[in-house]
């Protein structure tokens, strides 16, 4: 039975954090930069994490188990949710 092998091209482009998230760089920041604003170019420099909809596909290519990133609720929604639940005594 053959072994599963990771996608070598993807391994060179991403890093897996200790907590299991997939860290990568944004696209469009390497060339054709003259018409792009400085603010946009600075945002391209920052590393980002893989979107939750892509994590399953990327982890299958890598042959690893990774963790989904759950987005935090806005403060207003979190406050409303805590008001709805009765306090435990």
Protein backbone atom coordinates (compact mmCIF):
# COMPACT_ATOMS: atom_id res chain seq x y z
CA UNK A 1 0.00 0.00 0.00
CA UNK A 2 1.57 3.36 -0.99
CA UNK A 3 2.01 6.10 1.58
CA UNK A 4 0.23 9.44 1.39
CA UNK A 5 2.63 12.21 0.45
CA UNK A 6 2.24 15.92 1.17
CA UNK A 7 2.07 18.46 -1.66
CA UNK A 8 5.65 19.78 -1.80
CA UNK A 9 4.70 23.03 -3.54
CA UNK A 10 2.21 23.91 -0.81
CA UNK A 11 4.69 22.96 1.93
CA UNK A 12 7.06 25.63 0.59
CA UNK A 13 4.37 28.33 0.69
CA UNK A 14 2.68 27.82 4.04
CA UNK A 15 3.63 27.23 7.68
CA UNK A 16 1.66 25.28 10.25
CA UNK A 17 1.55 27.01 13.61
CA UNK A 18 1.88 25.19 16.91
CA UNK A 19 -1.87 25.43 17.43
CA UNK A 20 -2.51 23.89 13.98
CA UNK A 21 -3.50 26.96 11.96
CA UNK A 22 -2.24 27.43 8.38
CA UNK A 23 -0.24 30.65 8.05
CA UNK A 24 0.49 32.11 4.60
CA UNK A 25 1.15 35.35 2.74
CA UNK A 26 -1.35 37.33 0.71
CA UNK A 27 -1.34 37.26 -3.08
CA UNK A 28 -0.76 40.23 -5.48
CA UNK A 29 2.12 41.79 -3.55
CA UNK A 30 5.16 40.77 -5.62
CA UNK A 31 4.96 42.69 -8.91
CA UNK A 32 2.89 45.33 -10.78
CA UNK A 33 3.07 47.46 -7.65
CA UNK A 34 3.34 50.97 -9.06
CA UNK A 35 -0.42 51.63 -9.15
CA UNK A 36 -1.09 50.11 -5.71
CA UNK A 37 -1.25 52.33 -2.66
CA UNK A 38 1.31 52.16 0.12
CA UNK A 39 -1.39 51.17 2.58
CA UNK A 40 -2.33 48.22 0.36
CA UNK A 41 1.30 47.16 -0.06
CA UNK A 42 1.84 47.25 3.72
CA UNK A 43 -1.21 45.03 4.17
CA UNK A 44 0.26 42.53 1.69
CA UNK A 45 3.38 42.20 3.87
CA UNK A 46 1.44 40.83 6.81
CA UNK A 47 0.97 37.09 6.98
CA UNK A 48 -2.61 35.83 7.19
CA UNK A 49 -4.26 32.58 8.17
CA UNK A 50 -6.14 30.33 5.79
CA UNK A 51 -9.87 30.99 5.53
CA UNK A 52 -12.02 28.37 7.29
CA UNK A 53 -13.56 27.30 3.97
CA UNK A 54 -10.08 26.45 2.61
CA UNK A 55 -8.70 24.64 5.66
CA UNK A 56 -10.12 21.23 4.75
CA UNK A 57 -8.71 21.32 1.23
CA UNK A 58 -5.29 22.54 2.38
CA UNK A 59 -5.02 20.02 5.21
CA UNK A 60 -5.85 17.23 2.75
CA UNK A 61 -3.04 18.41 0.45
CA UNK A 62 -0.64 18.60 3.36
CA UNK A 63 -1.75 15.31 4.87
CA UNK A 64 -2.04 16.95 8.29
CA UNK A 65 -4.77 17.66 10.78
CA UNK A 66 -5.27 21.39 11.17
CA UNK A 67 -7.52 23.60 13.23
CA UNK A 68 -10.32 25.86 12.01
CA UNK A 69 -10.23 29.52 12.99
CA UNK A 70 -13.54 30.63 14.42
CA UNK A 71 -14.34 34.30 14.07
CA UNK A 72 -15.21 36.09 17.30
CA UNK A 73 -18.67 37.55 17.72
CA UNK A 74 -18.91 41.36 17.75
CA UNK A 75 -19.16 42.85 21.23
CA UNK A 76 -22.81 43.90 20.77
CA UNK A 77 -23.91 40.34 19.88
CA UNK A 78 -21.92 38.84 22.75
CA UNK A 79 -23.54 41.23 25.25
CA UNK A 80 -27.03 40.39 23.97
CA UNK A 81 -26.33 36.67 24.19
CA UNK A 82 -25.20 36.97 27.80
CA UNK A 83 -28.34 38.93 28.73
CA UNK A 84 -30.64 36.23 27.30
CA UNK A 85 -29.21 33.46 29.47
CA UNK A 86 -30.38 33.37 33.12
CA UNK A 87 -27.64 33.58 35.73
CA UNK A 88 -26.79 30.33 37.53
CA UNK A 89 -26.79 30.35 41.33
